[in-house]
Amino acid sequence: MVSFKKKFLFLNVRENWYHCDPGFWDMILPTAWLHVKNRETPVKPGYSDVTYTIENDLTLDHDTIYAGFLKSNRQQIRQAEEAGVEFEFHNDVEGFVEFFNEFARSVNIGTTSVRRIQEMEGFLKLSYAKHQGRILVAHSTLIDDTYKIVRAFHSASKRTDDSFDKSLIAKANKALHYKDMMHFRELGYKVYDFGGYTQNTEDKALLGINNFKQSFGGEVVACTNYYTVSYQLLKKVGSLMGALGKG
């Protein structure tokens, strides 16, 4: 099971993934259980919500997985490879944070930090798509060695940089998801989780993200997040401080 502590405001909070089996102190301390599959757990923390994601079955053979991709995805993956895009797996945390934060600021999403990534040490792997020595796309993947699940966690690219070929970046991003799947499949992982799916939305941007994830042939899966009362209170305080410019 994935389980790690994160510094949140002035306290440590614990995040657990995929399984909920809380002990006495877990129910009191600020704790979250995310993307839980064992929803029959007899002890349920104070708050919960249902979320959705897209999962690909990595126990299938390579050809079956690949055939499940849209034809256009298969074509673009092949075109990225033919263009000389190269794929690497290594944990250069500082380089990843710099690349991700540059992208995050350009699209107005939350940044990360070396400390945040290091808090997840042992559970987070980094991968890159490069062309002529320059990084086009970077992904992080959350890994669970108990349940053999890998989850797409961060994704960043140079698509907002006009000095890069945006068409090649889009192809490289699809190819990197494919390489991520095959890399972890070879290591014995059973599920590739695309990291979220927005159910019943009419928002065009979210629909585009949904369609992108579905284009790899996975299925929509429901899961439950659980939170203790103290965790929820910290989240509310943190949101308020952020709104006041103090986050």
C-alpha atoms as a PDB file:
ATOM      1  CA  MET A   1       0.000   0.000   0.000  1.00  0.00           C
ATOM      2  CA  VAL A   2       1.173   3.535  -0.737  1.00  0.00           C
ATOM      3  CA  SER A   3       1.458   5.521   2.515  1.00  0.00           C
ATOM      4  CA  PHE A   4       3.462   8.670   3.188  1.00  0.00           C
ATOM      5  CA  LYS A   5       3.474  11.816   5.320  1.00  0.00           C
ATOM      6  CA  LYS A   6       3.138  15.312   3.880  1.00  0.00           C
ATOM      7  CA  LYS A   7       3.761  18.625   5.602  1.00  0.00           C
ATOM      8  CA  PHE A   8       0.499  20.574   5.525  1.00  0.00           C
ATOM      9  CA  LEU A   9       0.533  23.987   7.185  1.00  0.00           C
ATOM     10  CA  PHE A  10       2.099  23.267  10.603  1.00  0.00           C
ATOM     11  CA  LEU A  11       1.248  19.541  10.864  1.00  0.00           C
ATOM     12  CA  ASN A  12       2.088  16.252   9.219  1.00  0.00           C
ATOM     13  CA  VAL A  13      -0.784  14.572   7.424  1.00  0.00           C
ATOM     14  CA  ARG A  14      -0.770  11.014   6.154  1.00  0.00           C
ATOM     15  CA  GLU A  15      -2.058   9.953   2.754  1.00  0.00           C
ATOM     16  CA  ASN A  16      -2.801   6.310   1.996  1.00  0.00           C
ATOM     17  CA  TRP A  17      -3.789   5.002  -1.414  1.00  0.00           C
ATOM     18  CA  TYR A  18      -5.960   2.118  -2.662  1.00  0.00           C
ATOM     19  CA  HIS A  19      -6.849   0.483   0.661  1.00  0.00           C
ATOM     20  CA  CYS A  20      -8.596   1.666   3.830  1.00  0.00           C
ATOM     21  CA  ASP A  21      -7.871  -0.221   7.056  1.00  0.00           C
ATOM     22  CA  PRO A  22      -7.563   2.476   9.743  1.00  0.00           C
ATOM     23  CA  GLY A  23      -6.230   1.965  13.221  1.00  0.00           C
ATOM     24  CA  PHE A  24      -7.246   3.921  16.323  1.00  0.00           C
ATOM     25  CA  TRP A  25      -4.789   6.801  15.883  1.00  0.00           C
ATOM     26  CA  ASP A  26      -5.451   6.958  12.146  1.00  0.00           C
ATOM     27  CA  MET A  27      -9.035   7.942  12.935  1.00  0.00           C
ATOM     28  CA  ILE A  28      -7.915  10.850  15.115  1.00  0.00           C
ATOM     29  CA  LEU A  29      -4.901  12.224  13.264  1.00  0.00           C
ATOM     30  CA  PRO A  30      -5.232  14.077   9.923  1.00  0.00           C
ATOM     31  CA  THR A  31      -5.368  11.146   7.504  1.00  0.00           C
ATOM     32  CA  ALA A  32      -6.761  10.460   4.024  1.00  0.00           C
ATOM     33  CA  TRP A  33      -7.360   7.176   2.173  1.00  0.00           C
ATOM     34  CA  LEU A  34      -7.485   7.863  -1.538  1.00  0.00           C
ATOM     35  CA  HIS A  35      -8.741   5.879  -4.540  1.00  0.00           C
ATOM     36  CA  VAL A  36      -9.918   3.090  -2.232  1.00  0.00           C
ATOM     37  CA  LYS A  37     -11.074  -0.179  -3.759  1.00  0.00           C
ATOM     38  CA  ASN A  38     -12.049  -2.080  -0.564  1.00  0.00           C
ATOM     39  CA  ARG A  39     -15.172  -0.008   0.059  1.00  0.00           C
ATOM     40  CA  GLU A  40     -16.602  -2.747   2.284  1.00  0.00           C
ATOM     41  CA  THR A  41     -14.171  -1.659   5.050  1.00  0.00           C
ATOM     42  CA  PRO A  42     -16.047  -1.975   8.389  1.00  0.00           C
ATOM     43  CA  VAL A  43     -14.502   1.187   9.887  1.00  0.00           C
ATOM     44  CA  LYS A  44     -15.188   4.301   7.840  1.00  0.00           C
ATOM     45  CA  PRO A  45     -13.583   7.675   8.626  1.00  0.00           C
ATOM     46  CA  GLY A  46     -15.712  10.791   9.016  1.00  0.00           C
ATOM     47  CA  TYR A  47     -15.966  12.050   5.428  1.00  0.00           C
ATOM     48  CA  SER A  48     -15.999  10.379   2.033  1.00  0.00           C
ATOM     49  CA  ASP A  49     -16.657  11.069  -1.620  1.00  0.00           C
ATOM     50  CA  VAL A  50     -16.886   8.952  -4.746  1.00  0.00           C
ATOM     51  CA  THR A  51     -14.542   9.704  -7.625  1.00  0.00           C
ATOM     52  CA  TYR A  52     -13.806   8.070 -10.971  1.00  0.00           C
ATOM     53  CA  THR A  53     -10.796   7.183 -13.017  1.00  0.00           C
ATOM     54  CA  ILE A  54      -9.776   5.341 -16.188  1.00  0.00           C
ATOM     55  CA  GLU A  55      -7.879   2.080 -15.776  1.00  0.00           C
ATOM     56  CA  ASN A  56      -6.028  -0.050 -18.306  1.00  0.00           C
ATOM     57  CA  ASP A  57      -5.525  -3.755 -17.640  1.00  0.00           C
ATOM     58  CA  LEU A  58      -1.777  -4.441 -17.831  1.00  0.00           C
ATOM     59  CA  THR A  59      -2.239  -8.196 -17.395  1.00  0.00           C
ATOM     60  CA  LEU A  60      -3.289  -8.361 -21.052  1.00  0.00           C
ATOM     61  CA  ASP A  61      -0.637  -9.094 -23.660  1.00  0.00           C
ATOM     62  CA  HIS A  62       1.073  -6.184 -25.409  1.00  0.00           C
ATOM     63  CA  ASP A  63      -0.775  -6.548 -28.709  1.00  0.00           C
ATOM     64  CA  THR A  64      -4.190  -6.575 -27.026  1.00  0.00           C
ATOM     65  CA  ILE A  65      -3.395  -3.445 -25.009  1.00  0.00           C
ATOM     66  CA  TYR A  66      -2.006  -1.666 -28.073  1.00  0.00           C
ATOM     67  CA  ALA A  67      -4.969  -2.665 -30.238  1.00  0.00           C
ATOM     68  CA  GLY A  68      -7.273  -1.026 -27.669  1.00  0.00           C
ATOM     69  CA  PHE A  69      -5.783   2.398 -28.440  1.00  0.00           C
ATOM     70  CA  LEU A  70      -7.532   4.570 -31.001  1.00  0.00           C
ATOM     71  CA  LYS A  71      -5.980   4.144 -34.453  1.00  0.00           C
ATOM     72  CA  SER A  72      -4.892   7.791 -34.392  1.00  0.00           C
ATOM     73  CA  ASN A  73      -3.027   7.175 -31.118  1.00  0.00           C
ATOM     74  CA  ARG A  74      -1.166   4.227 -32.607  1.00  0.00           C
ATOM     75  CA  GLN A  75      -0.241   6.330 -35.632  1.00  0.00           C
ATOM     76  CA  GLN A  76       1.018   9.219 -33.508  1.00  0.00           C
ATOM     77  CA  ILE A  77       3.028   6.931 -31.250  1.00  0.00           C
ATOM     78  CA  ARG A  78       4.702   5.461 -34.307  1.00  0.00           C
ATOM     79  CA  GLN A  79       5.319   8.947 -35.739  1.00  0.00           C
ATOM     80  CA  ALA A  80       6.940  10.094 -32.490  1.00  0.00           C
ATOM     81  CA  GLU A  81       9.281   7.103 -32.567  1.00  0.00           C
ATOM     82  CA  GLU A  82      10.090   7.675 -36.247  1.00  0.00           C
ATOM     83  CA  ALA A  83      10.847  11.344 -35.514  1.00  0.00           C
ATOM     84  CA  GLY A  84      13.527  10.232 -33.057  1.00  0.00           C
ATOM     85  CA  VAL A  85      11.757  10.901 -29.777  1.00  0.00           C
ATOM     86  CA  GLU A  86      13.548   9.021 -26.999  1.00  0.00           C
ATOM     87  CA  PHE A  87      12.133   7.855 -23.672  1.00  0.00           C
ATOM     88  CA  GLU A  88      13.898   7.722 -20.323  1.00  0.00           C
ATOM     89  CA  PHE A  89      13.100   6.650 -16.767  1.00  0.00           C
ATOM     90  CA  HIS A  90      15.178   8.278 -14.041  1.00  0.00           C
ATOM     91  CA  ASN A  91      14.564  10.221 -10.824  1.00  0.00           C
ATOM     92  CA  ASP A  92      16.156  13.635 -11.329  1.00  0.00           C
ATOM     93  CA  VAL A  93      13.838  15.299  -8.805  1.00  0.00           C
ATOM     94  CA  GLU A  94      15.225  18.833  -9.079  1.00  0.00           C
ATOM     95  CA  GLY A  95      15.137  18.747 -12.881  1.00  0.00           C
ATOM     96  CA  PHE A  96      11.605  17.382 -12.876  1.00  0.00           C
ATOM     97  CA  VAL A  97      10.357  20.039 -10.434  1.00  0.00           C
ATOM     98  CA  GLU A  98      11.917  22.824 -12.513  1.00  0.00           C
ATOM     99  CA  PHE A  99      10.355  21.484 -15.723  1.00  0.00           C
ATOM    100  CA  PHE A 100       6.947  20.859 -14.142  1.00  0.00           C
ATOM    101  CA  ASN A 101       6.753  24.244 -12.419  1.00  0.00           C
ATOM    102  CA  GLU A 102       7.618  26.120 -15.610  1.00  0.00           C
ATOM    103  CA  PHE A 103       4.716  24.333 -17.306  1.00  0.00           C
ATOM    104  CA  ALA A 104       2.392  24.778 -14.309  1.00  0.00           C
ATOM    105  CA  ARG A 105       2.921  28.528 -14.225  1.00  0.00           C
ATOM    106  CA  SER A 106       2.281  28.785 -17.972  1.00  0.00           C
ATOM    107  CA  VAL A 107      -1.133  27.073 -17.667  1.00  0.00           C
ATOM    108  CA  ASN A 108      -2.037  28.475 -14.236  1.00  0.00           C
ATOM    109  CA  ILE A 109      -2.122  25.256 -12.241  1.00  0.00           C
ATOM    110  CA  GLY A 110      -0.525  24.433  -8.886  1.00  0.00           C
ATOM    111  CA  THR A 111       3.227  24.003  -8.727  1.00  0.00           C
ATOM    112  CA  THR A 112       5.144  21.398  -6.751  1.00  0.00           C
ATOM    113  CA  SER A 113       8.436  21.371  -4.850  1.00  0.00           C
ATOM    114  CA  VAL A 114      11.453  19.171  -4.264  1.00  0.00           C
ATOM    115  CA  ARG A 115      10.223  18.599  -0.716  1.00  0.00           C
ATOM    116  CA  ARG A 116       6.797  17.450  -1.944  1.00  0.00           C
ATOM    117  CA  ILE A 117       8.349  14.977  -4.375  1.00  0.00           C
ATOM    118  CA  GLN A 118      10.819  13.727  -1.783  1.00  0.00           C
ATOM    119  CA  GLU A 119       7.964  13.124   0.677  1.00  0.00           C
ATOM    120  CA  MET A 120       6.762  10.499  -1.801  1.00  0.00           C
ATOM    121  CA  GLU A 121      10.173   8.871  -2.178  1.00  0.00           C
ATOM    122  CA  GLY A 122       9.884   5.212  -3.053  1.00  0.00           C
ATOM    123  CA  PHE A 123       6.366   5.651  -4.408  1.00  0.00           C
ATOM    124  CA  LEU A 124       6.937   8.081  -7.285  1.00  0.00           C
ATOM    125  CA  LYS A 125       8.798   7.360 -10.532  1.00  0.00           C
ATOM    126  CA  LEU A 126       9.663   9.888 -13.244  1.00  0.00           C
ATOM    127  CA  SER A 127       9.721   9.456 -17.025  1.00  0.00           C
ATOM    128  CA  TYR A 128      10.611  11.716 -19.934  1.00  0.00           C
ATOM    129  CA  ALA A 129      10.164  12.057 -23.692  1.00  0.00           C
ATOM    130  CA  LYS A 130      13.107  13.848 -25.314  1.00  0.00           C
ATOM    131  CA  HIS A 131      13.935  15.018 -28.815  1.00  0.00           C
ATOM    132  CA  GLN A 132      17.432  16.058 -29.817  1.00  0.00           C
ATOM    133  CA  GLY A 133      18.421  16.285 -26.170  1.00  0.00           C
ATOM    134  CA  ARG A 134      15.542  18.543 -25.135  1.00  0.00           C
ATOM    135  CA  ILE A 135      12.716  17.399 -22.834  1.00  0.00           C
ATOM    136  CA  LEU A 136       9.323  17.585 -24.543  1.00  0.00           C
ATOM    137  CA  VAL A 137       7.198  15.842 -21.902  1.00  0.00           C
ATOM    138  CA  ALA A 138       7.683  14.675 -18.313  1.00  0.00           C
ATOM    139  CA  HIS A 139       5.429  12.370 -16.277  1.00  0.00           C
ATOM    140  CA  SER A 140       5.439  11.199 -12.688  1.00  0.00           C
ATOM    141  CA  THR A 141       3.793   7.904 -11.765  1.00  0.00           C
ATOM    142  CA  LEU A 142       2.593   6.787  -8.335  1.00  0.00           C
ATOM    143  CA  ILE A 143       3.402   3.111  -7.808  1.00  0.00           C
ATOM    144  CA  ASP A 144       1.872   0.579  -5.436  1.00  0.00           C
ATOM    145  CA  ASP A 145       3.898  -2.597  -5.018  1.00  0.00           C
ATOM    146  CA  THR A 146       1.200  -4.288  -2.903  1.00  0.00           C
ATOM    147  CA  TYR A 147      -1.720  -3.991  -5.309  1.00  0.00           C
ATOM    148  CA  LYS A 148       0.451  -3.620  -8.429  1.00  0.00           C
ATOM    149  CA  ILE A 149      -1.216  -0.383  -9.508  1.00  0.00           C
ATOM    150  CA  VAL A 150       0.541   2.527 -11.215  1.00  0.00           C
ATOM    151  CA  ARG A 151      -1.205   5.895 -11.410  1.00  0.00           C
ATOM    152  CA  ALA A 152      -0.381   8.840 -13.670  1.00  0.00           C
ATOM    153  CA  PHE A 153       0.320  11.658 -11.203  1.00  0.00           C
ATOM    154  CA  HIS A 154       2.036  14.681 -12.803  1.00  0.00           C
ATOM    155  CA  SER A 155       2.201  15.549 -16.486  1.00  0.00           C
ATOM    156  CA  ALA A 156       4.019  18.516 -17.985  1.00  0.00           C
ATOM    157  CA  SER A 157       5.168  19.478 -21.453  1.00  0.00           C
ATOM    158  CA  LYS A 158       6.580  22.282 -23.589  1.00  0.00           C
ATOM    159  CA  ARG A 159       3.286  22.763 -25.445  1.00  0.00           C
ATOM    160  CA  THR A 160       3.025  26.404 -24.336  1.00  0.00           C
ATOM    161  CA  ASP A 161       6.555  27.190 -25.595  1.00  0.00           C
ATOM    162  CA  ASP A 162       6.445  28.491 -29.171  1.00  0.00           C
ATOM    163  CA  SER A 163      10.026  27.391 -29.816  1.00  0.00           C
ATOM    164  CA  PHE A 164       8.878  23.750 -29.738  1.00  0.00           C
ATOM    165  CA  ASP A 165       6.884  21.749 -32.310  1.00  0.00           C
ATOM    166  CA  LYS A 166       3.444  21.415 -30.677  1.00  0.00           C
ATOM    167  CA  SER A 167       2.418  18.567 -32.970  1.00  0.00           C
ATOM    168  CA  LEU A 168       5.482  16.555 -31.983  1.00  0.00           C
ATOM    169  CA  ILE A 169       4.848  17.289 -28.308  1.00  0.00           C
ATOM    170  CA  ALA A 170       1.291  15.926 -28.541  1.00  0.00           C
ATOM    171  CA  LYS A 171       2.599  12.771 -30.198  1.00  0.00           C
ATOM    172  CA  ALA A 172       5.403  12.434 -27.654  1.00  0.00           C
ATOM    173  CA  ASN A 173       2.926  12.725 -24.776  1.00  0.00           C
ATOM    174  CA  LYS A 174       0.813   9.870 -26.109  1.00  0.00           C
ATOM    175  CA  ALA A 175       3.923   7.826 -26.766  1.00  0.00           C
ATOM    176  CA  LEU A 176       5.178   8.434 -23.229  1.00  0.00           C
ATOM    177  CA  HIS A 177       1.912   7.155 -21.732  1.00  0.00           C
ATOM    178  CA  TYR A 178       2.330   4.055 -23.887  1.00  0.00           C
ATOM    179  CA  LYS A 179       5.958   3.638 -22.778  1.00  0.00           C
ATOM    180  CA  ASP A 180       4.917   4.135 -19.142  1.00  0.00           C
ATOM    181  CA  MET A 181       2.325   1.364 -19.502  1.00  0.00           C
ATOM    182  CA  MET A 182       4.746  -1.059 -21.112  1.00  0.00           C
ATOM    183  CA  HIS A 183       7.587  -0.244 -18.711  1.00  0.00           C
ATOM    184  CA  PHE A 184       5.484  -1.002 -15.640  1.00  0.00           C
ATOM    185  CA  ARG A 185       3.800  -3.984 -17.290  1.00  0.00           C
ATOM    186  CA  GLU A 186       7.243  -5.520 -17.766  1.00  0.00           C
ATOM    187  CA  LEU A 187       7.896  -4.946 -14.055  1.00  0.00           C
ATOM    188  CA  GLY A 188       4.786  -6.939 -13.145  1.00  0.00           C
ATOM    189  CA  TYR A 189       2.255  -4.183 -12.463  1.00  0.00           C
ATOM    190  CA  LYS A 190      -1.350  -5.037 -13.262  1.00  0.00           C
ATOM    191  CA  VAL A 191      -3.227  -1.740 -13.601  1.00  0.00           C
ATOM    192  CA  TYR A 192      -2.384   1.572 -15.273  1.00  0.00           C
ATOM    193  CA  ASP A 193      -4.563   4.263 -13.717  1.00  0.00           C
ATOM    194  CA  PHE A 194      -4.844   7.475 -15.750  1.00  0.00           C
ATOM    195  CA  GLY A 195      -5.340   9.556 -12.614  1.00  0.00           C
ATOM    196  CA  GLY A 196      -8.928  10.712 -12.687  1.00  0.00           C
ATOM    197  CA  TYR A 197     -12.066  11.017 -14.804  1.00  0.00           C
ATOM    198  CA  THR A 198     -14.730  13.718 -14.455  1.00  0.00           C
ATOM    199  CA  GLN A 199     -18.159  12.120 -14.477  1.00  0.00           C
ATOM    200  CA  ASN A 200     -21.177  13.921 -16.006  1.00  0.00           C
ATOM    201  CA  THR A 201     -19.379  17.097 -17.010  1.00  0.00           C
ATOM    202  CA  GLU A 202     -20.210  19.578 -19.752  1.00  0.00           C
ATOM    203  CA  ASP A 203     -16.975  21.511 -19.332  1.00  0.00           C
ATOM    204  CA  LYS A 204     -15.162  21.371 -22.684  1.00  0.00           C
ATOM    205  CA  ALA A 205     -11.688  21.269 -21.158  1.00  0.00           C
ATOM    206  CA  LEU A 206     -12.595  18.401 -18.825  1.00  0.00           C
ATOM    207  CA  LEU A 207     -14.349  16.552 -21.640  1.00  0.00           C
ATOM    208  CA  GLY A 208     -11.171  16.860 -23.676  1.00  0.00           C
ATOM    209  CA  ILE A 209      -9.135  15.332 -20.840  1.00  0.00           C
ATOM    210  CA  ASN A 210     -11.698  12.537 -20.436  1.00  0.00           C
ATOM    211  CA  ASN A 211     -11.605  11.780 -24.160  1.00  0.00           C
ATOM    212  CA  PHE A 212      -7.816  11.742 -24.175  1.00  0.00           C
ATOM    213  CA  LYS A 213      -7.684   9.180 -21.373  1.00  0.00           C
ATOM    214  CA  GLN A 214     -10.450   7.032 -22.899  1.00  0.00           C
ATOM    215  CA  SER A 215      -8.622   7.006 -26.236  1.00  0.00           C
ATOM    216  CA  PHE A 216      -6.210   4.438 -24.758  1.00  0.00           C
ATOM    217  CA  GLY A 217      -8.961   1.855 -24.361  1.00  0.00           C
ATOM    218  CA  GLY A 218      -9.335   1.714 -20.572  1.00  0.00           C
ATOM    219  CA  GLU A 219     -12.554   1.517 -18.572  1.00  0.00           C
ATOM    220  CA  VAL A 220     -14.169   3.970 -16.175  1.00  0.00           C
ATOM    221  CA  VAL A 221     -13.873   2.774 -12.564  1.00  0.00           C
ATOM    222  CA  ALA A 222     -15.461   4.199  -9.398  1.00  0.00           C
ATOM    223  CA  CYS A 223     -13.500   4.535  -6.175  1.00  0.00           C
ATOM    224  CA  THR A 224     -13.939   6.173  -2.773  1.00  0.00           C
ATOM    225  CA  ASN A 225     -11.860   8.718  -0.889  1.00  0.00           C
ATOM    226  CA  TYR A 226     -12.075   8.799   2.913  1.00  0.00           C
ATOM    227  CA  TYR A 227     -10.929  11.608   5.215  1.00  0.00           C
ATOM    228  CA  THR A 228     -10.777  12.037   8.971  1.00  0.00           C
ATOM    229  CA  VAL A 229     -12.437  15.056  10.572  1.00  0.00           C
ATOM    230  CA  SER A 230      -9.048  16.574  11.423  1.00  0.00           C
ATOM    231  CA  TYR A 231      -7.900  16.177   7.803  1.00  0.00           C
ATOM    232  CA  GLN A 232     -11.001  17.957   6.524  1.00  0.00           C
ATOM    233  CA  LEU A 233     -10.533  20.795   8.995  1.00  0.00           C
ATOM    234  CA  LEU A 234      -6.928  21.271   7.872  1.00  0.00           C
ATOM    235  CA  LYS A 235      -8.067  21.335   4.239  1.00  0.00           C
ATOM    236  CA  LYS A 236     -10.617  24.048   4.996  1.00  0.00           C
ATOM    237  CA  VAL A 237      -8.082  26.137   6.899  1.00  0.00           C
ATOM    238  CA  GLY A 238      -5.579  25.695   4.089  1.00  0.00           C
ATOM    239  CA  SER A 239      -8.136  26.762   1.477  1.00  0.00           C
ATOM    240  CA  LEU A 240      -9.036  29.846   3.489  1.00  0.00           C
ATOM    241  CA  MET A 241      -5.400  30.834   3.906  1.00  0.00           C
ATOM    242  CA  GLY A 242      -4.848  30.325   0.201  1.00  0.00           C
ATOM    243  CA  ALA A 243      -7.806  32.551  -0.579  1.00  0.00           C
ATOM    244  CA  LEU A 244      -6.277  35.205   1.670  1.00  0.00           C
ATOM    245  CA  GLY A 245      -2.959  34.952  -0.133  1.00  0.00           C
ATOM    246  CA  LYS A 246      -1.243  33.196   2.762  1.00  0.00           C
ATOM    247  CA  GLY A 247      -1.183  29.618   1.433  1.00  0.00           C
END
